[in-house]
Amino acid sequence: MIAIGITATDTDMGKTMVSGALAAAFNMRGLKAGVFKPAASGCVRMEDGKLLSTDADFLMTCAGIDKDEQVKVVPYVLEDALSPAQASRLAGIKIEPAVMTRKAVEMIESKQITVVEGVGGISAPLTYDYLVKDFFKEINVPVLVVVKSILGNINHAVLTVEYAKNHGLNVLGLIVNCWDEDSAGVLEQSNLYYYEKLTGVPILGKLPVIDEKLIKDGDVAEIASIVEKTVAIDKIIGLAGGKASE
């Protein structure tokens, strides 16, 4: 039973896409894959009044988890597209860190390998005084940092990795999201060099933009195939404490 936390330099870096893609790869390797997210904001209100986390829905599809088990994957679903700390206040919901950590451990212990996606960046507030880094540290998982090779992201990557390390987290490496080898110029290529040089952690994958049709159709096998070609899955499993042959 191993787990990998996914954080990012900012929101909209593609944590959910990377998390789901990794889960798909583990799933297609025959591993019993788990996914978890402590809280989800910006959820969709369904006709029956229930809130649906589209992020959790995608993660469950990739991991092969039944859609009826959303409550096991994300314990807090919130309608407003704000930090969980603020969205929960507006909804009159009290988020309990103990609930998030307990549910996360339950998922991790029930699977061979679990992808735990954070919320926003590493210091995003889950409650008034409980941040994403606190959650990752409490459940004791190593983390991958999702970046994009765009202007300004070197600074964000360095600060994110240093902050995580300073708070006792084991940063395995970086995953570059939305990478396009054919169009990568000086900016994109130089970013890769400085990401590794200045953070001191390796780039463990360069995931391209995944076609929306694959996502909409839930084509887990094709998503997994893309991951296997562009991400060092064996190395990630090994760094997280597992065996590539599992």
C-alpha atoms as a PDB file:
ATOM      1  CA  MET A   1       0.000   0.000   0.000  1.00  0.00           C
ATOM      2  CA  ILE A   2       1.639   3.183  -1.200  1.00  0.00           C
ATOM      3  CA  ALA A   3       0.324   6.648  -1.956  1.00  0.00           C
ATOM      4  CA  ILE A   4       1.474   9.684  -3.903  1.00  0.00           C
ATOM      5  CA  GLY A   5       0.306  13.238  -3.232  1.00  0.00           C
ATOM      6  CA  ILE A   6      -0.235  15.612  -6.137  1.00  0.00           C
ATOM      7  CA  THR A   7       0.178  19.340  -5.659  1.00  0.00           C
ATOM      8  CA  ALA A   8       0.971  22.196  -8.036  1.00  0.00           C
ATOM      9  CA  THR A   9       2.503  25.629  -8.296  1.00  0.00           C
ATOM     10  CA  ASP A  10      -0.945  27.171  -8.639  1.00  0.00           C
ATOM     11  CA  THR A  11      -4.545  26.409  -9.476  1.00  0.00           C
ATOM     12  CA  ASP A  12      -5.253  25.528 -13.137  1.00  0.00           C
ATOM     13  CA  MET A  13      -1.944  23.706 -13.523  1.00  0.00           C
ATOM     14  CA  GLY A  14      -3.814  20.469 -14.206  1.00  0.00           C
ATOM     15  CA  LYS A  15      -3.548  18.546 -10.928  1.00  0.00           C
ATOM     16  CA  THR A  16      -6.740  16.632 -11.643  1.00  0.00           C
ATOM     17  CA  MET A  17      -5.627  15.687 -15.147  1.00  0.00           C
ATOM     18  CA  VAL A  18      -2.240  14.483 -13.915  1.00  0.00           C
ATOM     19  CA  SER A  19      -3.791  12.683 -10.941  1.00  0.00           C
ATOM     20  CA  GLY A  20      -6.336  10.929 -13.124  1.00  0.00           C
ATOM     21  CA  ALA A  21      -3.784  10.078 -15.782  1.00  0.00           C
ATOM     22  CA  LEU A  22      -1.484   8.469 -13.215  1.00  0.00           C
ATOM     23  CA  ALA A  23      -4.393   6.540 -11.729  1.00  0.00           C
ATOM     24  CA  ALA A  24      -5.319   5.336 -15.223  1.00  0.00           C
ATOM     25  CA  ALA A  25      -1.776   4.072 -15.799  1.00  0.00           C
ATOM     26  CA  PHE A  26      -1.753   2.216 -12.474  1.00  0.00           C
ATOM     27  CA  ASN A  27      -5.204   0.817 -13.209  1.00  0.00           C
ATOM     28  CA  MET A  28      -4.209  -0.447 -16.658  1.00  0.00           C
ATOM     29  CA  ARG A  29      -1.146  -2.126 -15.143  1.00  0.00           C
ATOM     30  CA  GLY A  30      -3.520  -4.256 -13.128  1.00  0.00           C
ATOM     31  CA  LEU A  31      -2.877  -2.496  -9.853  1.00  0.00           C
ATOM     32  CA  LYS A  32      -5.749  -1.903  -7.471  1.00  0.00           C
ATOM     33  CA  ALA A  33      -5.715   1.885  -7.768  1.00  0.00           C
ATOM     34  CA  GLY A  34      -7.222   4.384  -5.383  1.00  0.00           C
ATOM     35  CA  VAL A  35      -7.868   8.117  -5.684  1.00  0.00           C
ATOM     36  CA  PHE A  36      -8.630  10.708  -3.034  1.00  0.00           C
ATOM     37  CA  LYS A  37      -9.207  14.439  -2.687  1.00  0.00           C
ATOM     38  CA  PRO A  38      -9.764  15.975   0.769  1.00  0.00           C
ATOM     39  CA  ALA A  39     -12.274  18.564  -0.457  1.00  0.00           C
ATOM     40  CA  ALA A  40     -13.611  19.824  -3.772  1.00  0.00           C
ATOM     41  CA  SER A  41     -14.909  23.316  -4.515  1.00  0.00           C
ATOM     42  CA  GLY A  42     -16.855  24.490  -7.550  1.00  0.00           C
ATOM     43  CA  CYS A  43     -19.011  21.360  -7.577  1.00  0.00           C
ATOM     44  CA  VAL A  44     -22.101  21.014  -9.775  1.00  0.00           C
ATOM     45  CA  ARG A  45     -25.574  21.034  -8.240  1.00  0.00           C
ATOM     46  CA  MET A  46     -27.572  18.165  -9.734  1.00  0.00           C
ATOM     47  CA  GLU A  47     -31.345  18.001 -10.266  1.00  0.00           C
ATOM     48  CA  ASP A  48     -31.763  15.963  -7.085  1.00  0.00           C
ATOM     49  CA  GLY A  49     -29.975  18.682  -5.129  1.00  0.00           C
ATOM     50  CA  LYS A  50     -26.788  16.701  -4.572  1.00  0.00           C
ATOM     51  CA  LEU A  51     -23.392  18.147  -5.418  1.00  0.00           C
ATOM     52  CA  LEU A  52     -21.194  16.380  -7.951  1.00  0.00           C
ATOM     53  CA  SER A  53     -17.433  16.870  -7.984  1.00  0.00           C
ATOM     54  CA  THR A  54     -16.453  16.603 -11.638  1.00  0.00           C
ATOM     55  CA  ASP A  55     -12.826  16.281 -10.505  1.00  0.00           C
ATOM     56  CA  ALA A  56     -13.657  13.262  -8.349  1.00  0.00           C
ATOM     57  CA  ASP A  57     -15.803  11.855 -11.164  1.00  0.00           C
ATOM     58  CA  PHE A  58     -12.822  11.915 -13.544  1.00  0.00           C
ATOM     59  CA  LEU A  59     -10.482  10.458 -10.933  1.00  0.00           C
ATOM     60  CA  MET A  60     -12.879   7.590 -10.217  1.00  0.00           C
ATOM     61  CA  THR A  61     -13.275   6.821 -13.913  1.00  0.00           C
ATOM     62  CA  CYS A  62      -9.509   6.601 -14.319  1.00  0.00           C
ATOM     63  CA  ALA A  63      -9.051   4.408 -11.249  1.00  0.00           C
ATOM     64  CA  GLY A  64     -11.985   2.151 -12.075  1.00  0.00           C
ATOM     65  CA  ILE A  65     -13.929   3.104  -8.951  1.00  0.00           C
ATOM     66  CA  ASP A  66     -17.737   3.006  -9.010  1.00  0.00           C
ATOM     67  CA  LYS A  67     -19.365   6.456  -9.260  1.00  0.00           C
ATOM     68  CA  ASP A  68     -21.553   5.707  -6.241  1.00  0.00           C
ATOM     69  CA  GLU A  69     -18.459   5.834  -4.061  1.00  0.00           C
ATOM     70  CA  GLN A  70     -17.801   9.575  -4.397  1.00  0.00           C
ATOM     71  CA  VAL A  71     -18.131  10.023  -0.630  1.00  0.00           C
ATOM     72  CA  LYS A  72     -15.144   7.698  -0.163  1.00  0.00           C
ATOM     73  CA  VAL A  73     -13.082   9.707  -2.644  1.00  0.00           C
ATOM     74  CA  VAL A  74     -13.945  13.261  -1.583  1.00  0.00           C
ATOM     75  CA  PRO A  75     -15.539  13.759   1.863  1.00  0.00           C
ATOM     76  CA  TYR A  76     -16.357  17.445   1.385  1.00  0.00           C
ATOM     77  CA  VAL A  77     -18.067  18.771  -1.759  1.00  0.00           C
ATOM     78  CA  LEU A  78     -18.667  22.525  -1.962  1.00  0.00           C
ATOM     79  CA  GLU A  79     -20.556  24.588  -4.515  1.00  0.00           C
ATOM     80  CA  ASP A  80     -18.647  27.878  -4.554  1.00  0.00           C
ATOM     81  CA  ALA A  81     -15.443  27.947  -6.588  1.00  0.00           C
ATOM     82  CA  LEU A  82     -13.358  29.237  -3.695  1.00  0.00           C
ATOM     83  CA  SER A  83     -10.826  27.759  -1.317  1.00  0.00           C
ATOM     84  CA  PRO A  84     -12.445  25.004   0.783  1.00  0.00           C
ATOM     85  CA  ALA A  85     -11.929  27.167   3.862  1.00  0.00           C
ATOM     86  CA  GLN A  86     -14.043  29.984   2.409  1.00  0.00           C
ATOM     87  CA  ALA A  87     -16.510  27.878   0.408  1.00  0.00           C
ATOM     88  CA  SER A  88     -17.341  25.822   3.504  1.00  0.00           C
ATOM     89  CA  ARG A  89     -18.008  28.969   5.523  1.00  0.00           C
ATOM     90  CA  LEU A  90     -20.468  30.222   2.931  1.00  0.00           C
ATOM     91  CA  ALA A  91     -22.170  26.824   2.883  1.00  0.00           C
ATOM     92  CA  GLY A  92     -22.340  26.604   6.668  1.00  0.00           C
ATOM     93  CA  ILE A  93     -20.259  23.426   6.659  1.00  0.00           C
ATOM     94  CA  LYS A  94     -17.517  22.741   9.169  1.00  0.00           C
ATOM     95  CA  ILE A  95     -14.592  20.909   7.610  1.00  0.00           C
ATOM     96  CA  GLU A  96     -12.928  18.536  10.051  1.00  0.00           C
ATOM     97  CA  PRO A  97      -9.265  17.711   9.301  1.00  0.00           C
ATOM     98  CA  ALA A  98      -9.653  14.418  11.187  1.00  0.00           C
ATOM     99  CA  VAL A  99     -12.386  13.345   8.764  1.00  0.00           C
ATOM    100  CA  MET A 100     -10.224  14.100   5.721  1.00  0.00           C
ATOM    101  CA  THR A 101      -7.204  12.267   7.086  1.00  0.00           C
ATOM    102  CA  ARG A 102      -9.244   9.273   8.256  1.00  0.00           C
ATOM    103  CA  LYS A 103     -10.968   8.912   4.885  1.00  0.00           C
ATOM    104  CA  ALA A 104      -7.642   9.274   3.083  1.00  0.00           C
ATOM    105  CA  VAL A 105      -6.042   6.534   5.181  1.00  0.00           C
ATOM    106  CA  GLU A 106      -9.048   4.287   4.600  1.00  0.00           C
ATOM    107  CA  MET A 107      -8.636   4.677   0.842  1.00  0.00           C
ATOM    108  CA  ILE A 108      -4.875   4.150   0.970  1.00  0.00           C
ATOM    109  CA  GLU A 109      -5.159   1.031   3.107  1.00  0.00           C
ATOM    110  CA  SER A 110      -7.775  -0.493   0.802  1.00  0.00           C
ATOM    111  CA  LYS A 111      -5.720  -0.125  -2.396  1.00  0.00           C
ATOM    112  CA  GLN A 112      -2.288  -1.077  -3.722  1.00  0.00           C
ATOM    113  CA  ILE A 113      -1.465   2.445  -4.870  1.00  0.00           C
ATOM    114  CA  THR A 114      -3.420   5.641  -4.308  1.00  0.00           C
ATOM    115  CA  VAL A 115      -3.168   9.060  -5.923  1.00  0.00           C
ATOM    116  CA  VAL A 116      -4.065  11.814  -3.445  1.00  0.00           C
ATOM    117  CA  GLU A 117      -4.837  15.101  -5.162  1.00  0.00           C
ATOM    118  CA  GLY A 118      -4.504  18.302  -3.201  1.00  0.00           C
ATOM    119  CA  VAL A 119      -6.511  21.502  -3.583  1.00  0.00           C
ATOM    120  CA  GLY A 120      -5.058  24.567  -5.292  1.00  0.00           C
ATOM    121  CA  GLY A 121      -1.409  25.013  -4.316  1.00  0.00           C
ATOM    122  CA  ILE A 122       0.552  23.508  -1.434  1.00  0.00           C
ATOM    123  CA  SER A 123      -0.449  26.282   0.977  1.00  0.00           C
ATOM    124  CA  ALA A 124      -4.140  26.493   0.004  1.00  0.00           C
ATOM    125  CA  PRO A 125      -6.373  26.624   3.119  1.00  0.00           C
ATOM    126  CA  LEU A 126      -8.614  23.629   3.709  1.00  0.00           C
ATOM    127  CA  THR A 127      -9.776  25.297   6.921  1.00  0.00           C
ATOM    128  CA  TYR A 128      -8.876  28.568   8.594  1.00  0.00           C
ATOM    129  CA  ASP A 129      -5.642  27.132  10.000  1.00  0.00           C
ATOM    130  CA  TYR A 130      -5.189  23.774   8.241  1.00  0.00           C
ATOM    131  CA  LEU A 131      -3.447  23.901   4.874  1.00  0.00           C
ATOM    132  CA  VAL A 132      -2.845  21.380   2.106  1.00  0.00           C
ATOM    133  CA  LYS A 133       0.731  20.867   3.311  1.00  0.00           C
ATOM    134  CA  ASP A 134      -0.621  19.971   6.761  1.00  0.00           C
ATOM    135  CA  PHE A 135      -2.921  17.367   5.238  1.00  0.00           C
ATOM    136  CA  PHE A 136      -0.145  15.763   3.177  1.00  0.00           C
ATOM    137  CA  LYS A 137       2.195  15.743   6.150  1.00  0.00           C
ATOM    138  CA  GLU A 138      -0.409  14.203   8.455  1.00  0.00           C
ATOM    139  CA  ILE A 139      -1.153  11.296   6.097  1.00  0.00           C
ATOM    140  CA  ASN A 140       2.594  10.964   5.450  1.00  0.00           C
ATOM    141  CA  VAL A 141       2.684  10.792   1.648  1.00  0.00           C
ATOM    142  CA  PRO A 142       5.457  11.942  -0.715  1.00  0.00           C
ATOM    143  CA  VAL A 143       4.397  14.508  -3.301  1.00  0.00           C
ATOM    144  CA  LEU A 144       4.771  15.320  -6.971  1.00  0.00           C
ATOM    145  CA  VAL A 145       4.528  18.952  -8.061  1.00  0.00           C
ATOM    146  CA  VAL A 146       2.658  19.748 -11.279  1.00  0.00           C
ATOM    147  CA  VAL A 147       4.068  22.615 -13.340  1.00  0.00           C
ATOM    148  CA  LYS A 148       3.593  24.069 -16.787  1.00  0.00           C
ATOM    149  CA  SER A 149       6.469  25.328 -18.877  1.00  0.00           C
ATOM    150  CA  ILE A 150       5.226  28.910 -19.001  1.00  0.00           C
ATOM    151  CA  LEU A 151       6.630  32.328 -18.213  1.00  0.00           C
ATOM    152  CA  GLY A 152       6.940  32.941 -14.468  1.00  0.00           C
ATOM    153  CA  ASN A 153       6.522  29.345 -13.404  1.00  0.00           C
ATOM    154  CA  ILE A 154      10.198  28.807 -12.522  1.00  0.00           C
ATOM    155  CA  ASN A 155       9.769  31.094  -9.534  1.00  0.00           C
ATOM    156  CA  HIS A 156       6.549  29.348  -8.498  1.00  0.00           C
ATOM    157  CA  ALA A 157       8.145  25.913  -8.846  1.00  0.00           C
ATOM    158  CA  VAL A 158      11.153  26.842  -6.704  1.00  0.00           C
ATOM    159  CA  LEU A 159       8.998  28.407  -3.991  1.00  0.00           C
ATOM    160  CA  THR A 160       6.571  25.461  -3.957  1.00  0.00           C
ATOM    161  CA  VAL A 161       9.308  22.833  -3.664  1.00  0.00           C
ATOM    162  CA  GLU A 162      11.228  24.769  -1.007  1.00  0.00           C
ATOM    163  CA  TYR A 163       8.079  25.427   1.001  1.00  0.00           C
ATOM    164  CA  ALA A 164       7.099  21.758   0.857  1.00  0.00           C
ATOM    165  CA  LYS A 165      10.568  20.610   1.899  1.00  0.00           C
ATOM    166  CA  ASN A 166      10.752  23.155   4.708  1.00  0.00           C
ATOM    167  CA  HIS A 167       7.527  21.751   6.092  1.00  0.00           C
ATOM    168  CA  GLY A 168       8.853  18.219   6.118  1.00  0.00           C
ATOM    169  CA  LEU A 169       7.360  16.866   2.904  1.00  0.00           C
ATOM    170  CA  ASN A 170       9.235  14.471   0.643  1.00  0.00           C
ATOM    171  CA  VAL A 171       9.103  15.949  -2.872  1.00  0.00           C
ATOM    172  CA  LEU A 172       9.681  13.162  -5.398  1.00  0.00           C
ATOM    173  CA  GLY A 173       9.884  15.401  -8.436  1.00  0.00           C
ATOM    174  CA  LEU A 174       8.003  17.457 -10.993  1.00  0.00           C
ATOM    175  CA  ILE A 175       5.454  16.583 -13.657  1.00  0.00           C
ATOM    176  CA  VAL A 176       5.300  19.036 -16.554  1.00  0.00           C
ATOM    177  CA  ASN A 177       1.717  19.270 -17.786  1.00  0.00           C
ATOM    178  CA  CYS A 178       0.491  20.373 -21.237  1.00  0.00           C
ATOM    179  CA  TRP A 179       3.899  19.788 -22.820  1.00  0.00           C
ATOM    180  CA  ASP A 180       4.162  20.088 -26.613  1.00  0.00           C
ATOM    181  CA  GLU A 181       7.500  18.814 -27.880  1.00  0.00           C
ATOM    182  CA  ASP A 182       6.917  20.084 -31.417  1.00  0.00           C
ATOM    183  CA  SER A 183       6.247  23.686 -30.433  1.00  0.00           C
ATOM    184  CA  ALA A 184       8.607  23.943 -27.466  1.00  0.00           C
ATOM    185  CA  GLY A 185      10.937  26.906 -27.940  1.00  0.00           C
ATOM    186  CA  VAL A 186      13.650  28.578 -25.883  1.00  0.00           C
ATOM    187  CA  LEU A 187      11.241  29.536 -23.088  1.00  0.00           C
ATOM    188  CA  GLU A 188       9.800  26.061 -22.690  1.00  0.00           C
ATOM    189  CA  GLN A 189      13.092  24.195 -23.004  1.00  0.00           C
ATOM    190  CA  SER A 190      14.997  26.540 -20.693  1.00  0.00           C
ATOM    191  CA  ASN A 191      12.270  26.208 -18.084  1.00  0.00           C
ATOM    192  CA  LEU A 192      12.945  22.470 -17.919  1.00  0.00           C
ATOM    193  CA  TYR A 193      16.626  23.107 -17.207  1.00  0.00           C
ATOM    194  CA  TYR A 194      15.940  25.645 -14.464  1.00  0.00           C
ATOM    195  CA  TYR A 195      13.161  23.590 -12.901  1.00  0.00           C
ATOM    196  CA  GLU A 196      15.629  20.828 -12.112  1.00  0.00           C
ATOM    197  CA  LYS A 197      18.637  23.031 -11.397  1.00  0.00           C
ATOM    198  CA  LEU A 198      16.891  25.372  -8.957  1.00  0.00           C
ATOM    199  CA  THR A 199      14.521  22.956  -7.210  1.00  0.00           C
ATOM    200  CA  GLY A 200      16.995  20.090  -6.905  1.00  0.00           C
ATOM    201  CA  VAL A 201      14.327  17.536  -7.854  1.00  0.00           C
ATOM    202  CA  PRO A 202      13.931  15.696 -11.181  1.00  0.00           C
ATOM    203  CA  ILE A 203      11.337  16.081 -13.883  1.00  0.00           C
ATOM    204  CA  LEU A 204       9.564  12.718 -13.872  1.00  0.00           C
ATOM    205  CA  GLY A 205       7.256  13.284 -16.794  1.00  0.00           C
ATOM    206  CA  LYS A 206       6.131  15.637 -19.555  1.00  0.00           C
ATOM    207  CA  LEU A 207       2.455  14.972 -20.084  1.00  0.00           C
ATOM    208  CA  PRO A 208       0.940  16.401 -23.284  1.00  0.00           C
ATOM    209  CA  VAL A 209      -2.503  17.946 -23.541  1.00  0.00           C
ATOM    210  CA  ILE A 210      -4.955  15.053 -23.452  1.00  0.00           C
ATOM    211  CA  ASP A 211      -7.754  15.224 -26.002  1.00  0.00           C
ATOM    212  CA  GLU A 212     -11.083  16.272 -24.501  1.00  0.00           C
ATOM    213  CA  LYS A 213     -12.782  13.402 -26.336  1.00  0.00           C
ATOM    214  CA  LEU A 214     -10.697  10.866 -24.417  1.00  0.00           C
ATOM    215  CA  ILE A 215     -11.748  12.521 -21.176  1.00  0.00           C
ATOM    216  CA  LYS A 216     -15.405  12.771 -22.152  1.00  0.00           C
ATOM    217  CA  ASP A 217     -15.500   9.151 -23.342  1.00  0.00           C
ATOM    218  CA  GLY A 218     -13.617   7.928 -20.282  1.00  0.00           C
ATOM    219  CA  ASP A 219     -11.045   6.187 -22.480  1.00  0.00           C
ATOM    220  CA  VAL A 220      -8.880   5.016 -19.597  1.00  0.00           C
ATOM    221  CA  ALA A 221      -6.771   2.671 -21.731  1.00  0.00           C
ATOM    222  CA  GLU A 222      -5.749   5.428 -24.159  1.00  0.00           C
ATOM    223  CA  ILE A 223      -5.044   7.909 -21.372  1.00  0.00           C
ATOM    224  CA  ALA A 224      -2.883   5.270 -19.691  1.00  0.00           C
ATOM    225  CA  SER A 225      -1.060   4.633 -22.961  1.00  0.00           C
ATOM    226  CA  ILE A 226      -0.160   8.331 -23.224  1.00  0.00           C
ATOM    227  CA  VAL A 227       1.111   8.333 -19.651  1.00  0.00           C
ATOM    228  CA  GLU A 228       3.281   5.256 -20.187  1.00  0.00           C
ATOM    229  CA  LYS A 229       4.986   7.027 -23.109  1.00  0.00           C
ATOM    230  CA  THR A 230       5.579  10.348 -21.384  1.00  0.00           C
ATOM    231  CA  VAL A 231       5.897   9.749 -17.635  1.00  0.00           C
ATOM    232  CA  ALA A 232       8.477   7.697 -15.699  1.00  0.00           C
ATOM    233  CA  ILE A 233       5.876   5.502 -14.025  1.00  0.00           C
ATOM    234  CA  ASP A 234       8.317   2.834 -12.838  1.00  0.00           C
ATOM    235  CA  LYS A 235      10.561   5.458 -11.287  1.00  0.00           C
ATOM    236  CA  ILE A 236       7.661   7.197  -9.562  1.00  0.00           C
ATOM    237  CA  ILE A 237       6.436   3.915  -8.068  1.00  0.00           C
ATOM    238  CA  GLY A 238       9.965   3.125  -6.894  1.00  0.00           C
ATOM    239  CA  LEU A 239      10.511   6.545  -5.347  1.00  0.00           C
ATOM    240  CA  ALA A 240       7.177   6.236  -3.549  1.00  0.00           C
ATOM    241  CA  GLY A 241       8.324   2.982  -1.965  1.00  0.00           C
ATOM    242  CA  GLY A 242       6.731   0.419  -4.253  1.00  0.00           C
ATOM    243  CA  LYS A 243       7.989  -2.014  -6.849  1.00  0.00           C
ATOM    244  CA  ALA A 244       7.595  -1.390 -10.561  1.00  0.00           C
ATOM    245  CA  SER A 245       6.701  -5.017 -11.114  1.00  0.00           C
ATOM    246  CA  GLU A 246       3.727  -4.826  -8.723  1.00  0.00           C
END
